[in-house]
Structure formats: structure tokens, C-alpha cells
Amino acid sequence: MSQENLIKLECTECKRINYYSQKNKKTIKERLELKKYCKHCKKHTLHKETK
């Protein structure tokens, strides 16, 4: 993964960074929000993009 397209996804409940992903920052300007599984909360929660 190239570093300039790399984003971190943080759980909204426990505030831990669980996933790394990439996105095209030229086409998608807003922050990404995905519902993913958090292994610390042990359930599906909303994960938001962080810096």
C-alpha cells in the first residue's frame, strides 16, 4: 500500500485503530465511515477515518 493513500479506521465506541485501508483522496474528499467488526468490543460498530 502506498503511504499517501493510506487511511486509518478507528472504532467510534472504544477509540482504537483496528483497520488500515486506502482511498483515492482526489475523488473522495469527505471522511470514510464504515460499519466493521471491532475485536475489542466484540461486535459490529461504526468505524471512522482518522488522520
Protein backbone atom coordinates (compact mmCIF):
# COMPACT_ATOMS: atom_id res chain seq x y z
CA MET A 1 0.00 0.00 0.00
CA SER A 2 1.32 3.41 -0.83
CA GLN A 3 1.65 5.76 2.12
CA GLU A 4 -0.12 8.77 0.61
CA ASN A 5 -3.38 6.81 0.10
CA LEU A 6 -3.28 5.01 3.44
CA ILE A 7 -6.02 5.77 5.97
CA LYS A 8 -6.73 4.52 9.50
CA LEU A 9 -10.17 3.40 10.63
CA GLU A 10 -10.96 3.97 14.30
CA CYS A 11 -13.82 2.43 16.29
CA THR A 12 -16.29 5.06 17.50
CA GLU A 13 -17.01 3.19 20.74
CA CYS A 14 -13.61 2.12 22.08
CA LYS A 15 -11.49 4.64 20.04
CA ARG A 16 -8.97 2.02 18.93
CA ILE A 17 -7.49 1.82 15.45
CA ASN A 18 -8.45 -1.57 14.07
CA TYR A 19 -8.16 -1.30 10.29
CA TYR A 20 -5.96 0.28 7.65
CA SER A 21 -7.30 0.90 4.19
CA GLN A 22 -6.70 3.09 1.17
CA LYS A 23 -8.79 5.57 -0.74
CA ASN A 24 -8.40 7.90 -3.67
CA LYS A 25 -8.20 11.31 -2.00
CA LYS A 26 -8.72 13.17 -5.27
CA THR A 27 -12.16 11.70 -5.91
CA ILE A 28 -13.39 11.18 -2.32
CA LYS A 29 -13.00 14.37 -0.26
CA GLU A 30 -15.13 13.53 2.80
CA ARG A 31 -14.07 11.16 5.56
CA LEU A 32 -14.91 7.50 5.19
CA GLU A 33 -17.35 5.79 7.59
CA LEU A 34 -17.80 2.02 7.52
CA LYS A 35 -19.55 -0.47 9.74
CA LYS A 36 -16.93 -3.09 10.60
CA TYR A 37 -16.23 -5.68 13.28
CA CYS A 38 -14.28 -4.50 16.31
CA LYS A 39 -12.37 -7.30 18.04
CA HIS A 40 -12.13 -5.28 21.27
CA CYS A 41 -15.87 -4.53 21.53
CA LYS A 42 -16.70 -7.95 20.02
CA LYS A 43 -19.45 -6.52 17.80
CA HIS A 44 -20.03 -4.56 14.60
CA THR A 45 -19.55 -0.84 15.16
CA LEU A 46 -19.13 2.28 13.07
CA HIS A 47 -15.50 2.95 12.14
CA LYS A 48 -14.46 6.44 11.05
CA GLU A 49 -11.42 7.60 9.19
CA THR A 50 -8.73 9.31 11.26
CA LYS A 51 -5.63 11.27 10.32
